[in-house]
Amino acid sequence: MRGFMIKNLLKRGTVLVLAALVVCLGVNLSASAETFTVKMGSDNGALVFEPSTLTIHEGDTVKWVNNKAYPHNIVFGTSDSEFNDKYSYKKLLAAPGQSFEKTFEATAAGEYSYFCTPHRGAGMVGKLVVE
């Protein structure tokens, strides 16, 4: 009888440890995703994305914020039109503080160039690296 009780306790203990492990791993995976901010226009009014190059991981979110009064947008110019449509924001964010954010999924690994349509000629381009 005593051996049966010990076996039963070991089984329950193993189940509890495994359940705790699953919960901890789940929390760690979701907690590892981050949100990064990219300014659309520098603090001194230059027509740039800050930072101009950003490296993120799959599952991270990028938030582009209009930093100054000029209207800006985010257009990806890759050869994959489906990617461009999914991750671009072609509407103009006209007022300071307006923003757009996107989470980059597991299928999005790679390097991507993007630009602001009204200010591309002025050099307002950025690069996103998704690892």
N, C-alpha and C. Protein backbone atom coordinates (compact mmCIF):
# COMPACT_ATOMS: atom_id res chain seq x y z
N MET A 1 0.82 -1.20 0.00
CA MET A 1 0.00 0.00 0.00
C MET A 1 0.86 1.26 0.00
N ARG A 2 1.94 1.21 0.79
CA ARG A 2 2.83 2.36 0.88
C ARG A 2 3.49 2.63 -0.48
N GLY A 3 3.89 1.58 -1.19
CA GLY A 3 4.49 1.73 -2.52
C GLY A 3 3.51 2.36 -3.50
N PHE A 4 2.24 1.99 -3.40
CA PHE A 4 1.21 2.55 -4.27
C PHE A 4 1.07 4.05 -4.03
N MET A 5 1.08 4.47 -2.76
CA MET A 5 0.95 5.88 -2.41
C MET A 5 2.14 6.69 -2.93
N ILE A 6 3.32 6.14 -2.82
CA ILE A 6 4.52 6.83 -3.31
C ILE A 6 4.46 6.99 -4.83
N LYS A 7 4.04 5.92 -5.52
CA LYS A 7 3.91 6.00 -6.99
C LYS A 7 2.88 7.05 -7.38
N ASN A 8 1.78 7.07 -6.66
CA ASN A 8 0.71 8.02 -6.95
C ASN A 8 1.20 9.45 -6.73
N LEU A 9 1.94 9.68 -5.65
CA LEU A 9 2.49 11.01 -5.39
C LEU A 9 3.50 11.42 -6.46
N LEU A 10 4.32 10.48 -6.89
CA LEU A 10 5.29 10.78 -7.95
C LEU A 10 4.59 11.14 -9.25
N LYS A 11 3.52 10.42 -9.59
CA LYS A 11 2.77 10.74 -10.82
C LYS A 11 2.17 12.13 -10.73
N ARG A 12 1.55 12.43 -9.60
CA ARG A 12 0.95 13.76 -9.42
C ARG A 12 2.01 14.85 -9.46
N GLY A 13 3.12 14.59 -8.81
CA GLY A 13 4.22 15.56 -8.81
C GLY A 13 4.76 15.81 -10.20
N THR A 14 4.89 14.74 -10.98
CA THR A 14 5.38 14.87 -12.36
C THR A 14 4.40 15.70 -13.19
N VAL A 15 3.12 15.42 -13.03
CA VAL A 15 2.10 16.17 -13.77
C VAL A 15 2.15 17.65 -13.38
N LEU A 16 2.29 17.94 -12.10
CA LEU A 16 2.36 19.33 -11.66
C LEU A 16 3.60 20.04 -12.20
N VAL A 17 4.72 19.36 -12.18
CA VAL A 17 5.96 19.95 -12.71
C VAL A 17 5.82 20.22 -14.20
N LEU A 18 5.27 19.28 -14.94
CA LEU A 18 5.08 19.47 -16.38
C LEU A 18 4.10 20.62 -16.65
N ALA A 19 3.03 20.69 -15.90
CA ALA A 19 2.07 21.78 -16.07
C ALA A 19 2.72 23.13 -15.79
N ALA A 20 3.50 23.20 -14.73
CA ALA A 20 4.20 24.44 -14.40
C ALA A 20 5.18 24.83 -15.49
N LEU A 21 5.86 23.84 -16.05
CA LEU A 21 6.81 24.10 -17.12
C LEU A 21 6.11 24.65 -18.36
N VAL A 22 4.98 24.07 -18.72
CA VAL A 22 4.22 24.56 -19.88
C VAL A 22 3.77 25.99 -19.65
N VAL A 23 3.28 26.29 -18.46
CA VAL A 23 2.83 27.65 -18.15
C VAL A 23 4.00 28.62 -18.23
N CYS A 24 5.13 28.26 -17.64
CA CYS A 24 6.31 29.14 -17.66
C CYS A 24 6.81 29.37 -19.07
N LEU A 25 6.88 28.34 -19.87
CA LEU A 25 7.34 28.50 -21.25
C LEU A 25 6.38 29.37 -22.04
N GLY A 26 5.10 29.19 -21.83
CA GLY A 26 4.12 30.01 -22.53
C GLY A 26 4.25 31.47 -22.17
N VAL A 27 4.45 31.76 -20.89
CA VAL A 27 4.64 33.14 -20.44
C VAL A 27 5.91 33.71 -21.03
N ASN A 28 7.00 32.96 -21.02
CA ASN A 28 8.26 33.45 -21.56
C ASN A 28 8.17 33.72 -23.05
N LEU A 29 7.47 32.87 -23.80
CA LEU A 29 7.36 33.08 -25.24
C LEU A 29 6.59 34.35 -25.54
N SER A 30 5.47 34.57 -24.87
CA SER A 30 4.69 35.76 -25.15
C SER A 30 5.38 37.00 -24.60
N ALA A 31 6.11 36.88 -23.51
CA ALA A 31 6.79 38.03 -22.93
C ALA A 31 7.99 38.45 -23.76
N SER A 32 8.49 37.58 -24.61
CA SER A 32 9.68 37.91 -25.37
C SER A 32 9.38 38.82 -26.56
N ALA A 33 8.14 38.88 -27.01
CA ALA A 33 7.79 39.77 -28.12
C ALA A 33 7.89 41.21 -27.63
N GLU A 34 8.47 42.07 -28.47
CA GLU A 34 8.66 43.47 -28.08
C GLU A 34 7.99 44.39 -29.09
N THR A 35 7.79 45.63 -28.68
CA THR A 35 7.30 46.68 -29.57
C THR A 35 8.39 47.72 -29.72
N PHE A 36 8.72 48.04 -30.96
CA PHE A 36 9.75 49.03 -31.28
C PHE A 36 9.09 50.23 -31.94
N THR A 37 9.60 51.42 -31.63
CA THR A 37 9.06 52.65 -32.20
C THR A 37 10.03 53.22 -33.22
N VAL A 38 9.49 53.61 -34.37
CA VAL A 38 10.26 54.30 -35.40
C VAL A 38 9.62 55.68 -35.58
N LYS A 39 10.42 56.72 -35.42
CA LYS A 39 9.93 58.09 -35.64
C LYS A 39 9.89 58.36 -37.14
N MET A 40 8.82 58.97 -37.56
CA MET A 40 8.69 59.41 -38.96
C MET A 40 8.99 60.90 -38.96
N GLY A 41 10.25 61.23 -39.25
CA GLY A 41 10.74 62.60 -39.13
C GLY A 41 11.55 62.71 -37.85
N SER A 42 12.71 63.36 -37.96
CA SER A 42 13.57 63.49 -36.78
C SER A 42 13.07 64.61 -35.88
N ASP A 43 13.65 64.71 -34.70
CA ASP A 43 13.27 65.76 -33.76
C ASP A 43 13.54 67.15 -34.31
N ASN A 44 14.56 67.28 -35.18
CA ASN A 44 14.87 68.60 -35.76
C ASN A 44 14.17 68.82 -37.09
N GLY A 45 13.24 67.92 -37.47
CA GLY A 45 12.43 68.12 -38.67
C GLY A 45 12.96 67.49 -39.94
N ALA A 46 14.08 66.77 -39.88
CA ALA A 46 14.63 66.12 -41.08
C ALA A 46 13.68 65.02 -41.56
N LEU A 47 13.63 64.84 -42.88
CA LEU A 47 12.76 63.84 -43.49
C LEU A 47 13.47 62.49 -43.50
N VAL A 48 13.44 61.82 -42.35
CA VAL A 48 14.10 60.53 -42.17
C VAL A 48 13.23 59.65 -41.28
N PHE A 49 13.52 58.36 -41.31
CA PHE A 49 12.98 57.43 -40.31
C PHE A 49 14.07 57.26 -39.26
N GLU A 50 13.69 57.33 -37.98
CA GLU A 50 14.66 57.12 -36.90
C GLU A 50 14.18 55.99 -36.01
N PRO A 51 14.94 54.90 -35.91
CA PRO A 51 16.19 54.62 -36.61
C PRO A 51 15.94 54.28 -38.08
N SER A 52 16.95 54.50 -38.89
CA SER A 52 16.80 54.22 -40.33
C SER A 52 16.84 52.72 -40.61
N THR A 53 17.53 51.96 -39.76
CA THR A 53 17.55 50.50 -39.86
C THR A 53 17.15 49.94 -38.50
N LEU A 54 16.24 48.99 -38.51
CA LEU A 54 15.76 48.38 -37.27
C LEU A 54 15.78 46.87 -37.43
N THR A 55 16.36 46.19 -36.45
CA THR A 55 16.38 44.72 -36.44
C THR A 55 15.42 44.24 -35.37
N ILE A 56 14.49 43.39 -35.77
CA ILE A 56 13.50 42.83 -34.85
C ILE A 56 13.48 41.32 -35.00
N HIS A 57 12.67 40.67 -34.19
CA HIS A 57 12.48 39.23 -34.28
C HIS A 57 11.05 38.93 -34.69
N GLU A 58 10.84 37.77 -35.27
CA GLU A 58 9.50 37.36 -35.64
C GLU A 58 8.60 37.46 -34.42
N GLY A 59 7.43 38.02 -34.59
CA GLY A 59 6.49 38.21 -33.48
C GLY A 59 6.57 39.58 -32.85
N ASP A 60 7.62 40.35 -33.14
CA ASP A 60 7.74 41.71 -32.62
C ASP A 60 6.82 42.65 -33.40
N THR A 61 6.53 43.78 -32.77
CA THR A 61 5.67 44.80 -33.38
C THR A 61 6.49 46.06 -33.61
N VAL A 62 6.26 46.70 -34.75
CA VAL A 62 6.88 48.00 -35.03
C VAL A 62 5.77 49.04 -35.06
N LYS A 63 6.01 50.13 -34.35
CA LYS A 63 5.06 51.24 -34.31
C LYS A 63 5.74 52.45 -34.94
N TRP A 64 5.21 52.92 -36.06
CA TRP A 64 5.72 54.12 -36.71
C TRP A 64 4.89 55.29 -36.22
N VAL A 65 5.56 56.35 -35.75
CA VAL A 65 4.87 57.51 -35.18
C VAL A 65 5.29 58.76 -35.95
N ASN A 66 4.29 59.54 -36.39
CA ASN A 66 4.57 60.82 -37.05
C ASN A 66 5.13 61.76 -35.99
N ASN A 67 6.39 62.15 -36.18
CA ASN A 67 7.09 62.95 -35.18
C ASN A 67 6.92 64.45 -35.40
N LYS A 68 6.62 64.84 -36.61
CA LYS A 68 6.48 66.26 -36.93
C LYS A 68 5.23 66.47 -37.77
N ALA A 69 5.01 67.67 -38.25
CA ALA A 69 3.76 68.03 -38.91
C ALA A 69 3.59 67.53 -40.34
N TYR A 70 4.64 67.06 -40.98
CA TYR A 70 4.52 66.62 -42.36
C TYR A 70 3.71 65.33 -42.45
N PRO A 71 2.96 65.14 -43.55
CA PRO A 71 2.26 63.86 -43.73
C PRO A 71 3.25 62.78 -44.18
N HIS A 72 3.15 61.61 -43.57
CA HIS A 72 4.04 60.49 -43.89
C HIS A 72 3.23 59.21 -44.02
N ASN A 73 3.82 58.23 -44.71
CA ASN A 73 3.26 56.89 -44.75
C ASN A 73 4.41 55.89 -44.77
N ILE A 74 4.06 54.59 -44.79
CA ILE A 74 5.05 53.52 -44.79
C ILE A 74 4.69 52.58 -45.93
N VAL A 75 5.56 52.50 -46.92
CA VAL A 75 5.30 51.64 -48.07
C VAL A 75 6.51 50.73 -48.27
N PHE A 76 6.26 49.42 -48.20
CA PHE A 76 7.33 48.46 -48.47
C PHE A 76 7.42 48.27 -49.97
N GLY A 77 8.64 48.22 -50.48
CA GLY A 77 8.87 48.10 -51.92
C GLY A 77 9.59 46.81 -52.28
N THR A 78 9.09 45.68 -51.79
CA THR A 78 9.73 44.41 -52.10
C THR A 78 9.16 43.84 -53.40
N SER A 79 9.74 42.76 -53.87
CA SER A 79 9.21 42.09 -55.06
C SER A 79 7.98 41.24 -54.72
N ASP A 80 7.66 41.11 -53.43
CA ASP A 80 6.52 40.32 -52.98
C ASP A 80 5.33 41.26 -52.72
N SER A 81 4.44 41.36 -53.68
CA SER A 81 3.32 42.29 -53.56
C SER A 81 2.39 41.93 -52.40
N GLU A 82 2.28 40.65 -52.08
CA GLU A 82 1.44 40.24 -50.95
C GLU A 82 2.02 40.78 -49.63
N PHE A 83 3.35 40.69 -49.48
CA PHE A 83 4.02 41.24 -48.29
C PHE A 83 3.79 42.75 -48.24
N ASN A 84 4.01 43.43 -49.37
CA ASN A 84 3.85 44.88 -49.42
C ASN A 84 2.44 45.29 -48.98
N ASP A 85 1.43 44.60 -49.51
CA ASP A 85 0.05 44.94 -49.16
C ASP A 85 -0.24 44.68 -47.69
N LYS A 86 0.32 43.62 -47.16
CA LYS A 86 0.05 43.23 -45.77
C LYS A 86 0.69 44.18 -44.76
N TYR A 87 1.90 44.65 -45.05
CA TYR A 87 2.65 45.40 -44.04
C TYR A 87 2.74 46.91 -44.30
N SER A 88 2.37 47.38 -45.47
CA SER A 88 2.43 48.82 -45.76
C SER A 88 1.23 49.54 -45.17
N TYR A 89 1.41 50.84 -44.95
CA TYR A 89 0.31 51.71 -44.55
C TYR A 89 0.38 52.91 -45.50
N LYS A 90 -0.45 52.86 -46.54
CA LYS A 90 -0.35 53.85 -47.62
C LYS A 90 -1.09 55.15 -47.33
N LYS A 91 -2.00 55.13 -46.35
CA LYS A 91 -2.69 56.37 -45.98
C LYS A 91 -1.67 57.30 -45.33
N LEU A 92 -1.93 58.59 -45.43
CA LEU A 92 -1.00 59.56 -44.84
C LEU A 92 -1.35 59.81 -43.37
N LEU A 93 -0.34 59.75 -42.53
CA LEU A 93 -0.48 60.14 -41.13
C LEU A 93 -0.08 61.61 -41.08
N ALA A 94 -1.07 62.49 -41.01
CA ALA A 94 -0.82 63.91 -41.21
C ALA A 94 -0.43 64.66 -39.94
N ALA A 95 -0.90 64.23 -38.80
CA ALA A 95 -0.68 65.01 -37.58
C ALA A 95 0.39 64.37 -36.69
N PRO A 96 1.16 65.21 -35.99
CA PRO A 96 2.13 64.67 -35.05
C PRO A 96 1.44 63.76 -34.03
N GLY A 97 2.07 62.63 -33.74
CA GLY A 97 1.51 61.68 -32.79
C GLY A 97 0.67 60.58 -33.43
N GLN A 98 0.19 60.80 -34.66
CA GLN A 98 -0.54 59.72 -35.32
C GLN A 98 0.42 58.57 -35.57
N SER A 99 -0.12 57.35 -35.51
CA SER A 99 0.77 56.20 -35.62
C SER A 99 0.11 55.03 -36.34
N PHE A 100 0.95 54.09 -36.71
CA PHE A 100 0.54 52.84 -37.34
C PHE A 100 1.45 51.76 -36.78
N GLU A 101 0.88 50.61 -36.44
CA GLU A 101 1.73 49.53 -35.95
C GLU A 101 1.37 48.22 -36.60
N LYS A 102 2.39 47.39 -36.72
CA LYS A 102 2.21 46.08 -37.36
C LYS A 102 3.09 45.06 -36.66
N THR A 103 2.54 43.87 -36.46
CA THR A 103 3.29 42.75 -35.89
C THR A 103 3.78 41.88 -37.03
N PHE A 104 5.07 41.55 -37.01
CA PHE A 104 5.68 40.77 -38.08
C PHE A 104 5.70 39.31 -37.70
N GLU A 105 5.00 38.52 -38.50
CA GLU A 105 4.76 37.10 -38.21
C GLU A 105 5.97 36.24 -38.54
N ALA A 106 5.84 34.98 -38.18
CA ALA A 106 6.93 34.02 -38.34
C ALA A 106 7.35 33.83 -39.80
N THR A 107 6.47 34.11 -40.72
CA THR A 107 6.81 33.93 -42.14
C THR A 107 7.48 35.17 -42.73
N ALA A 108 7.75 36.16 -41.91
CA ALA A 108 8.25 37.43 -42.41
C ALA A 108 9.76 37.61 -42.29
N ALA A 109 10.51 36.57 -41.96
CA ALA A 109 11.96 36.72 -41.81
C ALA A 109 12.59 37.22 -43.10
N GLY A 110 13.50 38.19 -42.98
CA GLY A 110 14.20 38.74 -44.14
C GLY A 110 14.54 40.21 -43.93
N GLU A 111 15.07 40.84 -44.99
CA GLU A 111 15.40 42.27 -44.97
C GLU A 111 14.47 42.99 -45.93
N TYR A 112 13.89 44.09 -45.45
CA TYR A 112 12.88 44.80 -46.23
C TYR A 112 13.15 46.30 -46.22
N SER A 113 13.14 46.90 -47.39
CA SER A 113 13.26 48.35 -47.50
C SER A 113 11.86 48.94 -47.58
N TYR A 114 11.70 50.11 -46.98
CA TYR A 114 10.42 50.81 -47.06
C TYR A 114 10.70 52.30 -47.21
N PHE A 115 9.66 53.05 -47.55
CA PHE A 115 9.83 54.48 -47.79
C PHE A 115 8.54 55.22 -47.47
N CYS A 116 8.67 56.53 -47.41
CA CYS A 116 7.53 57.44 -47.29
C CYS A 116 7.27 57.97 -48.70
N THR A 117 6.08 57.74 -49.22
CA THR A 117 5.78 58.13 -50.61
C THR A 117 6.03 59.61 -50.88
N PRO A 118 5.50 60.55 -50.06
CA PRO A 118 5.73 61.97 -50.37
C PRO A 118 7.19 62.41 -50.26
N HIS A 119 8.00 61.70 -49.47
CA HIS A 119 9.36 62.17 -49.19
C HIS A 119 10.45 61.19 -49.61
N ARG A 120 10.09 60.24 -50.43
CA ARG A 120 11.09 59.26 -50.90
C ARG A 120 12.22 59.96 -51.65
N GLY A 121 11.88 60.91 -52.49
CA GLY A 121 12.88 61.65 -53.26
C GLY A 121 13.83 62.45 -52.38
N ALA A 122 13.38 62.79 -51.16
CA ALA A 122 14.23 63.52 -50.22
C ALA A 122 15.07 62.57 -49.38
N GLY A 123 14.93 61.28 -49.64
CA GLY A 123 15.75 60.29 -48.94
C GLY A 123 15.09 59.66 -47.72
N MET A 124 13.78 59.80 -47.59
CA MET A 124 13.09 59.21 -46.44
C MET A 124 12.81 57.73 -46.72
N VAL A 125 13.83 56.93 -46.43
CA VAL A 125 13.76 55.48 -46.63
C VAL A 125 14.25 54.79 -45.36
N GLY A 126 13.79 53.58 -45.15
CA GLY A 126 14.20 52.81 -43.99
C GLY A 126 14.40 51.36 -44.35
N LYS A 127 14.99 50.63 -43.42
CA LYS A 127 15.20 49.20 -43.63
C LYS A 127 14.81 48.46 -42.37
N LEU A 128 14.05 47.37 -42.56
CA LEU A 128 13.63 46.53 -41.46
C LEU A 128 14.21 45.14 -41.66
N VAL A 129 14.90 44.65 -40.64
CA VAL A 129 15.47 43.30 -40.67
C VAL A 129 14.67 42.46 -39.68
N VAL A 130 14.01 41.42 -40.19
CA VAL A 130 13.22 40.52 -39.34
C VAL A 130 13.99 39.21 -39.22
N GLU A 131 14.39 38.87 -38.01
CA GLU A 131 15.16 37.63 -37.77
C GLU A 131 14.27 36.52 -37.27
